[in-house]
Amino acid sequence: MTAEELLNDVRNYLDITYSDTDGDTKLIGIITRGMAYLDAKAGKTLDYGKEGQSRALLLDYCRYARNSVLELFEQNFHSELIMLRIGVQTDEYAEDNGFI
């Protein structure tokens, strides 16, 4: 899923109800950077189109970035980021060994 496709979901999560083309451009950049950040933390490209941990983390990343407190994101979501990485590694192990 692309940042443009996620824009309305992010706008809804952030309670942005007004039209703002410049703001949307900024949000698309935030979403893109958030996806790259979380993909790097997870070690693979994640699916942000379905409800789950990766989508929830992306929405919160966008919230922190929009409120100019991104430096606190990793600190406040440290355990969730570790769980994300462990989940990816567990899935990869299971696939590699024929468990799923």
PDB file of N, CA and C in Angstrom:
ATOM      1  N   MET A   1       0.854  -1.178   0.000  1.00  0.00           N
ATOM      2  CA  MET A   1       0.000   0.000   0.000  1.00  0.00           C
ATOM      3  C   MET A   1       0.897   1.236   0.000  1.00  0.00           C
ATOM      4  N   THR A   2       0.531   2.223  -0.775  1.00  0.00           N
ATOM      5  CA  THR A   2       1.345   3.433  -0.881  1.00  0.00           C
ATOM      6  C   THR A   2       0.913   4.475   0.148  1.00  0.00           C
ATOM      7  N   ALA A   3       1.768   5.471   0.317  1.00  0.00           N
ATOM      8  CA  ALA A   3       1.465   6.561   1.246  1.00  0.00           C
ATOM      9  C   ALA A   3       0.195   7.290   0.820  1.00  0.00           C
ATOM     10  N   GLU A   4       0.028   7.472  -0.483  1.00  0.00           N
ATOM     11  CA  GLU A   4      -1.162   8.152  -0.989  1.00  0.00           C
ATOM     12  C   GLU A   4      -2.428   7.368  -0.650  1.00  0.00           C
ATOM     13  N   GLU A   5      -2.343   6.040  -0.718  1.00  0.00           N
ATOM     14  CA  GLU A   5      -3.494   5.200  -0.397  1.00  0.00           C
ATOM     15  C   GLU A   5      -3.812   5.220   1.096  1.00  0.00           C
ATOM     16  N   LEU A   6      -2.818   5.470   1.916  1.00  0.00           N
ATOM     17  CA  LEU A   6      -3.009   5.508   3.370  1.00  0.00           C
ATOM     18  C   LEU A   6      -3.404   6.893   3.879  1.00  0.00           C
ATOM     19  N   LEU A   7      -3.330   7.889   3.020  1.00  0.00           N
ATOM     20  CA  LEU A   7      -3.547   9.273   3.446  1.00  0.00           C
ATOM     21  C   LEU A   7      -4.877   9.469   4.166  1.00  0.00           C
ATOM     22  N   ASN A   8      -5.975   8.988   3.608  1.00  0.00           N
ATOM     23  CA  ASN A   8      -7.282   9.193   4.250  1.00  0.00           C
ATOM     24  C   ASN A   8      -7.365   8.511   5.610  1.00  0.00           C
ATOM     25  N   ASP A   9      -6.755   7.336   5.734  1.00  0.00           N
ATOM     26  CA  ASP A   9      -6.751   6.646   7.028  1.00  0.00           C
ATOM     27  C   ASP A   9      -5.951   7.431   8.065  1.00  0.00           C
ATOM     28  N   VAL A  10      -4.828   7.986   7.652  1.00  0.00           N
ATOM     29  CA  VAL A  10      -4.002   8.785   8.563  1.00  0.00           C
ATOM     30  C   VAL A  10      -4.733  10.068   8.932  1.00  0.00           C
ATOM     31  N   ARG A  11      -5.354  10.722   7.948  1.00  0.00           N
ATOM     32  CA  ARG A  11      -6.129  11.941   8.229  1.00  0.00           C
ATOM     33  C   ARG A  11      -7.240  11.640   9.241  1.00  0.00           C
ATOM     34  N   ASN A  12      -7.914  10.512   9.075  1.00  0.00           N
ATOM     35  CA  ASN A  12      -8.971  10.122  10.003  1.00  0.00           C
ATOM     36  C   ASN A  12      -8.400   9.882  11.400  1.00  0.00           C
ATOM     37  N   TYR A  13      -7.290   9.154  11.483  1.00  0.00           N
ATOM     38  CA  TYR A  13      -6.671   8.849  12.776  1.00  0.00           C
ATOM     39  C   TYR A  13      -6.247  10.124  13.506  1.00  0.00           C
ATOM     40  N   LEU A  14      -5.767  11.098  12.738  1.00  0.00           N
ATOM     41  CA  LEU A  14      -5.300  12.350  13.332  1.00  0.00           C
ATOM     42  C   LEU A  14      -6.422  13.378  13.489  1.00  0.00           C
ATOM     43  N   ASP A  15      -7.647  12.975  13.193  1.00  0.00           N
ATOM     44  CA  ASP A  15      -8.819  13.858  13.280  1.00  0.00           C
ATOM     45  C   ASP A  15      -8.665  15.118  12.436  1.00  0.00           C
ATOM     46  N   ILE A  16      -8.128  14.966  11.232  1.00  0.00           N
ATOM     47  CA  ILE A  16      -8.016  16.080  10.291  1.00  0.00           C
ATOM     48  C   ILE A  16      -9.247  16.022   9.395  1.00  0.00           C
ATOM     49  N   THR A  17     -10.150  16.981   9.569  1.00  0.00           N
ATOM     50  CA  THR A  17     -11.418  16.962   8.847  1.00  0.00           C
ATOM     51  C   THR A  17     -11.501  18.032   7.765  1.00  0.00           C
ATOM     52  N   TYR A  18     -10.536  18.911   7.688  1.00  0.00           N
ATOM     53  CA  TYR A  18     -10.551  20.011   6.730  1.00  0.00           C
ATOM     54  C   TYR A  18      -9.641  19.685   5.544  1.00  0.00           C
ATOM     55  N   SER A  19      -9.907  20.328   4.424  1.00  0.00           N
ATOM     56  CA  SER A  19      -9.084  20.137   3.228  1.00  0.00           C
ATOM     57  C   SER A  19      -7.857  21.028   3.303  1.00  0.00           C
ATOM     58  N   ASP A  20      -6.699  20.447   3.019  1.00  0.00           N
ATOM     59  CA  ASP A  20      -5.439  21.194   3.046  1.00  0.00           C
ATOM     60  C   ASP A  20      -4.436  20.472   2.147  1.00  0.00           C
ATOM     61  N   THR A  21      -4.306  20.947   0.918  1.00  0.00           N
ATOM     62  CA  THR A  21      -3.429  20.296  -0.053  1.00  0.00           C
ATOM     63  C   THR A  21      -1.986  20.280   0.420  1.00  0.00           C
ATOM     64  N   ASP A  22      -1.509  21.396   0.945  1.00  0.00           N
ATOM     65  CA  ASP A  22      -0.130  21.446   1.443  1.00  0.00           C
ATOM     66  C   ASP A  22       0.050  20.513   2.637  1.00  0.00           C
ATOM     67  N   GLY A  23      -0.945  20.466   3.505  1.00  0.00           N
ATOM     68  CA  GLY A  23      -0.892  19.563   4.651  1.00  0.00           C
ATOM     69  C   GLY A  23      -0.886  18.106   4.218  1.00  0.00           C
ATOM     70  N   ASP A  24      -1.655  17.795   3.176  1.00  0.00           N
ATOM     71  CA  ASP A  24      -1.673  16.426   2.655  1.00  0.00           C
ATOM     72  C   ASP A  24      -0.315  16.042   2.080  1.00  0.00           C
ATOM     73  N   THR A  25       0.320  16.971   1.388  1.00  0.00           N
ATOM     74  CA  THR A  25       1.659  16.713   0.850  1.00  0.00           C
ATOM     75  C   THR A  25       2.635  16.428   1.982  1.00  0.00           C
ATOM     76  N   LYS A  26       2.533  17.208   3.047  1.00  0.00           N
ATOM     77  CA  LYS A  26       3.391  16.987   4.214  1.00  0.00           C
ATOM     78  C   LYS A  26       3.096  15.630   4.852  1.00  0.00           C
ATOM     79  N   LEU A  27       1.815  15.285   4.977  1.00  0.00           N
ATOM     80  CA  LEU A  27       1.441  13.995   5.565  1.00  0.00           C
ATOM     81  C   LEU A  27       1.938  12.820   4.720  1.00  0.00           C
ATOM     82  N   ILE A  28       1.884  12.945   3.406  1.00  0.00           N
ATOM     83  CA  ILE A  28       2.384  11.877   2.535  1.00  0.00           C
ATOM     84  C   ILE A  28       3.869  11.663   2.779  1.00  0.00           C
ATOM     85  N   GLY A  29       4.611  12.746   2.963  1.00  0.00           N
ATOM     86  CA  GLY A  29       6.034  12.628   3.296  1.00  0.00           C
ATOM     87  C   GLY A  29       6.242  11.943   4.635  1.00  0.00           C
ATOM     88  N   ILE A  30       5.445  12.301   5.621  1.00  0.00           N
ATOM     89  CA  ILE A  30       5.536  11.680   6.948  1.00  0.00           C
ATOM     90  C   ILE A  30       5.216  10.191   6.853  1.00  0.00           C
ATOM     91  N   ILE A  31       4.167   9.854   6.122  1.00  0.00           N
ATOM     92  CA  ILE A  31       3.785   8.445   5.964  1.00  0.00           C
ATOM     93  C   ILE A  31       4.907   7.667   5.284  1.00  0.00           C
ATOM     94  N   THR A  32       5.466   8.233   4.230  1.00  0.00           N
ATOM     95  CA  THR A  32       6.550   7.566   3.496  1.00  0.00           C
ATOM     96  C   THR A  32       7.753   7.330   4.393  1.00  0.00           C
ATOM     97  N   ARG A  33       8.138   8.342   5.152  1.00  0.00           N
ATOM     98  CA  ARG A  33       9.272   8.193   6.074  1.00  0.00           C
ATOM     99  C   ARG A  33       8.954   7.186   7.177  1.00  0.00           C
ATOM    100  N   GLY A  34       7.718   7.195   7.666  1.00  0.00           N
ATOM    101  CA  GLY A  34       7.312   6.241   8.691  1.00  0.00           C
ATOM    102  C   GLY A  34       7.359   4.810   8.190  1.00  0.00           C
ATOM    103  N   MET A  35       6.902   4.598   6.969  1.00  0.00           N
ATOM    104  CA  MET A  35       6.948   3.259   6.383  1.00  0.00           C
ATOM    105  C   MET A  35       8.395   2.791   6.235  1.00  0.00           C
ATOM    106  N   ALA A  36       9.266   3.666   5.764  1.00  0.00           N
ATOM    107  CA  ALA A  36      10.682   3.306   5.605  1.00  0.00           C
ATOM    108  C   ALA A  36      11.310   2.995   6.961  1.00  0.00           C
ATOM    109  N   TYR A  37      10.994   3.792   7.963  1.00  0.00           N
ATOM    110  CA  TYR A  37      11.526   3.593   9.311  1.00  0.00           C
ATOM    111  C   TYR A  37      11.082   2.243   9.878  1.00  0.00           C
ATOM    112  N   LEU A  38       9.785   1.961   9.800  1.00  0.00           N
ATOM    113  CA  LEU A  38       9.258   0.717  10.365  1.00  0.00           C
ATOM    114  C   LEU A  38       9.721  -0.505   9.577  1.00  0.00           C
ATOM    115  N   ASP A  39       9.815  -0.377   8.257  1.00  0.00           N
ATOM    116  CA  ASP A  39      10.343  -1.484   7.446  1.00  0.00           C
ATOM    117  C   ASP A  39      11.780  -1.799   7.844  1.00  0.00           C
ATOM    118  N   ALA A  40      12.570  -0.758   8.098  1.00  0.00           N
ATOM    119  CA  ALA A  40      13.964  -0.962   8.519  1.00  0.00           C
ATOM    120  C   ALA A  40      14.022  -1.620   9.893  1.00  0.00           C
ATOM    121  N   LYS A  41      13.173  -1.192  10.792  1.00  0.00           N
ATOM    122  CA  LYS A  41      13.139  -1.795  12.132  1.00  0.00           C
ATOM    123  C   LYS A  41      12.712  -3.258  12.071  1.00  0.00           C
ATOM    124  N   ALA A  42      11.751  -3.559  11.190  1.00  0.00           N
ATOM    125  CA  ALA A  42      11.235  -4.923  11.080  1.00  0.00           C
ATOM    126  C   ALA A  42      12.173  -5.828  10.288  1.00  0.00           C
ATOM    127  N   GLY A  43      12.933  -5.241   9.381  1.00  0.00           N
ATOM    128  CA  GLY A  43      13.819  -6.045   8.547  1.00  0.00           C
ATOM    129  C   GLY A  43      13.166  -6.550   7.278  1.00  0.00           C
ATOM    130  N   LYS A  44      11.986  -6.041   6.963  1.00  0.00           N
ATOM    131  CA  LYS A  44      11.295  -6.408   5.723  1.00  0.00           C
ATOM    132  C   LYS A  44      10.198  -5.389   5.449  1.00  0.00           C
ATOM    133  N   THR A  45       9.660  -5.430   4.238  1.00  0.00           N
ATOM    134  CA  THR A  45       8.563  -4.548   3.873  1.00  0.00           C
ATOM    135  C   THR A  45       7.285  -5.058   4.531  1.00  0.00           C
ATOM    136  N   LEU A  46       6.635  -4.181   5.255  1.00  0.00           N
ATOM    137  CA  LEU A  46       5.431  -4.547   6.009  1.00  0.00           C
ATOM    138  C   LEU A  46       4.166  -4.211   5.226  1.00  0.00           C
ATOM    139  N   ASP A  47       3.061  -4.817   5.618  1.00  0.00           N
ATOM    140  CA  ASP A  47       1.760  -4.551   5.013  1.00  0.00           C
ATOM    141  C   ASP A  47       1.002  -3.584   5.918  1.00  0.00           C
ATOM    142  N   TYR A  48       0.844  -2.352   5.448  1.00  0.00           N
ATOM    143  CA  TYR A  48       0.154  -1.330   6.236  1.00  0.00           C
ATOM    144  C   TYR A  48      -1.323  -1.217   5.856  1.00  0.00           C
ATOM    145  N   GLY A  49      -1.760  -2.030   4.910  1.00  0.00           N
ATOM    146  CA  GLY A  49      -3.132  -1.963   4.432  1.00  0.00           C
ATOM    147  C   GLY A  49      -4.132  -2.679   5.312  1.00  0.00           C
ATOM    148  N   LYS A  50      -3.658  -3.586   6.142  1.00  0.00           N
ATOM    149  CA  LYS A  50      -4.583  -4.313   7.013  1.00  0.00           C
ATOM    150  C   LYS A  50      -4.332  -3.913   8.461  1.00  0.00           C
ATOM    151  N   GLU A  51      -5.384  -4.031   9.262  1.00  0.00           N
ATOM    152  CA  GLU A  51      -5.260  -3.701  10.679  1.00  0.00           C
ATOM    153  C   GLU A  51      -4.272  -4.653  11.338  1.00  0.00           C
ATOM    154  N   GLY A  52      -3.441  -4.115  12.174  1.00  0.00           N
ATOM    155  CA  GLY A  52      -2.450  -4.915  12.871  1.00  0.00           C
ATOM    156  C   GLY A  52      -1.386  -4.025  13.480  1.00  0.00           C
ATOM    157  N   GLN A  53      -0.362  -4.651  13.996  1.00  0.00           N
ATOM    158  CA  GLN A  53       0.684  -3.936  14.718  1.00  0.00           C
ATOM    159  C   GLN A  53       1.428  -2.941  13.837  1.00  0.00           C
ATOM    160  N   SER A  54       1.766  -3.338  12.619  1.00  0.00           N
ATOM    161  CA  SER A  54       2.528  -2.434  11.760  1.00  0.00           C
ATOM    162  C   SER A  54       1.710  -1.193  11.413  1.00  0.00           C
ATOM    163  N   ARG A  55       0.443  -1.359  11.131  1.00  0.00           N
ATOM    164  CA  ARG A  55      -0.420  -0.217  10.813  1.00  0.00           C
ATOM    165  C   ARG A  55      -0.580   0.690  12.035  1.00  0.00           C
ATOM    166  N   ALA A  56      -0.787   0.101  13.196  1.00  0.00           N
ATOM    167  CA  ALA A  56      -0.938   0.889  14.420  1.00  0.00           C
ATOM    168  C   ALA A  56       0.323   1.700  14.700  1.00  0.00           C
ATOM    169  N   LEU A  57       1.486   1.078  14.517  1.00  0.00           N
ATOM    170  CA  LEU A  57       2.741   1.797  14.731  1.00  0.00           C
ATOM    171  C   LEU A  57       2.913   2.924  13.720  1.00  0.00           C
ATOM    172  N   LEU A  58       2.530   2.684  12.471  1.00  0.00           N
ATOM    173  CA  LEU A  58       2.638   3.737  11.457  1.00  0.00           C
ATOM    174  C   LEU A  58       1.742   4.919  11.808  1.00  0.00           C
ATOM    175  N   LEU A  59       0.523   4.651  12.229  1.00  0.00           N
ATOM    176  CA  LEU A  59      -0.385   5.737  12.599  1.00  0.00           C
ATOM    177  C   LEU A  59       0.182   6.544  13.764  1.00  0.00           C
ATOM    178  N   ASP A  60       0.740   5.861  14.752  1.00  0.00           N
ATOM    179  CA  ASP A  60       1.329   6.581  15.880  1.00  0.00           C
ATOM    180  C   ASP A  60       2.598   7.323  15.471  1.00  0.00           C
ATOM    181  N   TYR A  61       3.391   6.749  14.569  1.00  0.00           N
ATOM    182  CA  TYR A  61       4.567   7.450  14.040  1.00  0.00           C
ATOM    183  C   TYR A  61       4.119   8.773  13.403  1.00  0.00           C
ATOM    184  N   CYS A  62       3.062   8.713  12.613  1.00  0.00           N
ATOM    185  CA  CYS A  62       2.550   9.921  11.958  1.00  0.00           C
ATOM    186  C   CYS A  62       2.063  10.940  12.984  1.00  0.00           C
ATOM    187  N   ARG A  63       1.423  10.467  14.026  1.00  0.00           N
ATOM    188  CA  ARG A  63       0.951  11.366  15.096  1.00  0.00           C
ATOM    189  C   ARG A  63       2.127  12.076  15.756  1.00  0.00           C
ATOM    190  N   TYR A  64       3.163  11.328  16.085  1.00  0.00           N
ATOM    191  CA  TYR A  64       4.341  11.916  16.722  1.00  0.00           C
ATOM    192  C   TYR A  64       5.041  12.892  15.779  1.00  0.00           C
ATOM    193  N   ALA A  65       5.194  12.507  14.515  1.00  0.00           N
ATOM    194  CA  ALA A  65       5.877  13.374  13.549  1.00  0.00           C
ATOM    195  C   ALA A  65       5.088  14.662  13.329  1.00  0.00           C
ATOM    196  N   ARG A  66       3.783  14.559  13.205  1.00  0.00           N
ATOM    197  CA  ARG A  66       2.952  15.744  12.965  1.00  0.00           C
ATOM    198  C   ARG A  66       2.987  16.704  14.156  1.00  0.00           C
ATOM    199  N   ASN A  67       3.161  16.162  15.344  1.00  0.00           N
ATOM    200  CA  ASN A  67       3.205  16.994  16.544  1.00  0.00           C
ATOM    201  C   ASN A  67       4.623  17.385  16.945  1.00  0.00           C
ATOM    202  N   SER A  68       5.584  17.144  16.052  1.00  0.00           N
ATOM    203  CA  SER A  68       6.987  17.554  16.246  1.00  0.00           C
ATOM    204  C   SER A  68       7.623  16.964  17.499  1.00  0.00           C
ATOM    205  N   VAL A  69       7.280  15.718  17.817  1.00  0.00           N
ATOM    206  CA  VAL A  69       7.895  15.028  18.955  1.00  0.00           C
ATOM    207  C   VAL A  69       8.407  13.648  18.537  1.00  0.00           C
ATOM    208  N   LEU A  70       8.861  13.557  17.293  1.00  0.00           N
ATOM    209  CA  LEU A  70       9.298  12.277  16.747  1.00  0.00           C
ATOM    210  C   LEU A  70      10.449  11.670  17.533  1.00  0.00           C
ATOM    211  N   GLU A  71      11.251  12.515  18.174  1.00  0.00           N
ATOM    212  CA  GLU A  71      12.374  11.998  18.961  1.00  0.00           C
ATOM    213  C   GLU A  71      11.903  11.135  20.135  1.00  0.00           C
ATOM    214  N   LEU A  72      10.644  11.236  20.512  1.00  0.00           N
ATOM    215  CA  LEU A  72      10.093  10.429  21.609  1.00  0.00           C
ATOM    216  C   LEU A  72       9.454   9.126  21.135  1.00  0.00           C
ATOM    217  N   PHE A  73       9.259   8.984  19.830  1.00  0.00           N
ATOM    218  CA  PHE A  73       8.554   7.809  19.316  1.00  0.00           C
ATOM    219  C   PHE A  73       9.258   6.511  19.687  1.00  0.00           C
ATOM    220  N   GLU A  74      10.534   6.407  19.373  1.00  0.00           N
ATOM    221  CA  GLU A  74      11.250   5.158  19.638  1.00  0.00           C
ATOM    222  C   GLU A  74      11.291   4.849  21.131  1.00  0.00           C
ATOM    223  N   GLN A  75      11.448   5.871  21.933  1.00  0.00           N
ATOM    224  CA  GLN A  75      11.468   5.683  23.387  1.00  0.00           C
ATOM    225  C   GLN A  75      10.113   5.173  23.886  1.00  0.00           C
ATOM    226  N   ASN A  76       9.033   5.774  23.430  1.00  0.00           N
ATOM    227  CA  ASN A  76       7.706   5.411  23.915  1.00  0.00           C
ATOM    228  C   ASN A  76       7.164   4.111  23.323  1.00  0.00           C
ATOM    229  N   PHE A  77       7.679   3.718  22.168  1.00  0.00           N
ATOM    230  CA  PHE A  77       7.199   2.503  21.503  1.00  0.00           C
ATOM    231  C   PHE A  77       8.293   1.451  21.392  1.00  0.00           C
ATOM    232  N   HIS A  78       9.270   1.526  22.260  1.00  0.00           N
ATOM    233  CA  HIS A  78      10.413   0.608  22.217  1.00  0.00           C
ATOM    234  C   HIS A  78       9.977  -0.854  22.264  1.00  0.00           C
ATOM    235  N   SER A  79       9.125  -1.197  23.196  1.00  0.00           N
ATOM    236  CA  SER A  79       8.713  -2.603  23.324  1.00  0.00           C
ATOM    237  C   SER A  79       7.899  -3.055  22.116  1.00  0.00           C
ATOM    238  N   GLU A  80       7.053  -2.183  21.568  1.00  0.00           N
ATOM    239  CA  GLU A  80       6.274  -2.538  20.385  1.00  0.00           C
ATOM    240  C   GLU A  80       7.176  -2.746  19.175  1.00  0.00           C
ATOM    241  N   LEU A  81       8.234  -1.936  19.053  1.00  0.00           N
ATOM    242  CA  LEU A  81       9.176  -2.092  17.944  1.00  0.00           C
ATOM    243  C   LEU A  81       9.950  -3.403  18.064  1.00  0.00           C
ATOM    244  N   ILE A  82      10.312  -3.766  19.278  1.00  0.00           N
ATOM    245  CA  ILE A  82      10.998  -5.046  19.493  1.00  0.00           C
ATOM    246  C   ILE A  82      10.048  -6.198  19.167  1.00  0.00           C
ATOM    247  N   MET A  83       8.794  -6.100  19.615  1.00  0.00           N
ATOM    248  CA  MET A  83       7.813  -7.144  19.317  1.00  0.00           C
ATOM    249  C   MET A  83       7.585  -7.274  17.813  1.00  0.00           C
ATOM    250  N   LEU A  84       7.598  -6.154  17.104  1.00  0.00           N
ATOM    251  CA  LEU A  84       7.443  -6.174  15.653  1.00  0.00           C
ATOM    252  C   LEU A  84       8.570  -6.972  15.010  1.00  0.00           C
ATOM    253  N   ARG A  85       9.801  -6.685  15.404  1.00  0.00           N
ATOM    254  CA  ARG A  85      10.966  -7.376  14.846  1.00  0.00           C
ATOM    255  C   ARG A  85      10.943  -8.867  15.192  1.00  0.00           C
ATOM    256  N   ILE A  86      10.621  -9.191  16.426  1.00  0.00           N
ATOM    257  CA  ILE A  86      10.560 -10.596  16.838  1.00  0.00           C
ATOM    258  C   ILE A  86       9.472 -11.332  16.056  1.00  0.00           C
ATOM    259  N   GLY A  87       8.343 -10.681  15.847  1.00  0.00           N
ATOM    260  CA  GLY A  87       7.265 -11.297  15.077  1.00  0.00           C
ATOM    261  C   GLY A  87       7.683 -11.606  13.653  1.00  0.00           C
ATOM    262  N   VAL A  88       8.393 -10.676  13.024  1.00  0.00           N
ATOM    263  CA  VAL A  88       8.886 -10.895  11.661  1.00  0.00           C
ATOM    264  C   VAL A  88       9.881 -12.047  11.642  1.00  0.00           C
ATOM    265  N   GLN A  89      10.804 -12.054  12.593  1.00  0.00           N
ATOM    266  CA  GLN A  89      11.802 -13.125  12.642  1.00  0.00           C
ATOM    267  C   GLN A  89      11.151 -14.483  12.895  1.00  0.00           C
ATOM    268  N   THR A  90      10.145 -14.525  13.744  1.00  0.00           N
ATOM    269  CA  THR A  90       9.434 -15.768  14.031  1.00  0.00           C
ATOM    270  C   THR A  90       8.735 -16.287  12.778  1.00  0.00           C
ATOM    271  N   ASP A  91       8.068 -15.386  12.056  1.00  0.00           N
ATOM    272  CA  ASP A  91       7.395 -15.778  10.817  1.00  0.00           C
ATOM    273  C   ASP A  91       8.393 -16.287   9.785  1.00  0.00           C
ATOM    274  N   GLU A  92       9.532 -15.594   9.656  1.00  0.00           N
ATOM    275  CA  GLU A  92      10.558 -16.027   8.700  1.00  0.00           C
ATOM    276  C   GLU A  92      11.103 -17.401   9.070  1.00  0.00           C
ATOM    277  N   TYR A  93      11.342 -17.635  10.340  1.00  0.00           N
ATOM    278  CA  TYR A  93      11.840 -18.933  10.798  1.00  0.00           C
ATOM    279  C   TYR A  93      10.824 -20.030  10.489  1.00  0.00           C
ATOM    280  N   ALA A  94       9.562 -19.761  10.786  1.00  0.00           N
ATOM    281  CA  ALA A  94       8.514 -20.754  10.546  1.00  0.00           C
ATOM    282  C   ALA A  94       8.386 -21.073   9.055  1.00  0.00           C
ATOM    283  N   GLU A  95       8.468 -20.052   8.210  1.00  0.00           N
ATOM    284  CA  GLU A  95       8.391 -20.277   6.764  1.00  0.00           C
ATOM    285  C   GLU A  95       9.603 -21.058   6.266  1.00  0.00           C
ATOM    286  N   ASP A  96      10.786 -20.678   6.725  1.00  0.00           N
ATOM    287  CA  ASP A  96      12.018 -21.343   6.289  1.00  0.00           C
ATOM    288  C   ASP A  96      12.062 -22.812   6.688  1.00  0.00           C
ATOM    289  N   ASN A  97      11.406 -23.155   7.775  1.00  0.00           N
ATOM    290  CA  ASN A  97      11.446 -24.525   8.284  1.00  0.00           C
ATOM    291  C   ASN A  97      10.162 -25.307   8.017  1.00  0.00           C
ATOM    292  N   GLY A  98       9.299 -24.758   7.181  1.00  0.00           N
ATOM    293  CA  GLY A  98       8.103 -25.473   6.758  1.00  0.00           C
ATOM    294  C   GLY A  98       6.994 -25.582   7.780  1.00  0.00           C
ATOM    295  N   PHE A  99       7.021 -24.731   8.791  1.00  0.00           N
ATOM    296  CA  PHE A  99       5.967 -24.779   9.803  1.00  0.00           C
ATOM    297  C   PHE A  99       4.699 -24.069   9.341  1.00  0.00           C
ATOM    298  N   ILE A 100       4.865 -23.126   8.412  1.00  0.00           N
ATOM    299  CA  ILE A 100       3.678 -22.446   7.849  1.00  0.00           C
ATOM    300  C   ILE A 100       3.842 -22.302   6.359  1.00  0.00           C
TER     301      ILE A 100
END
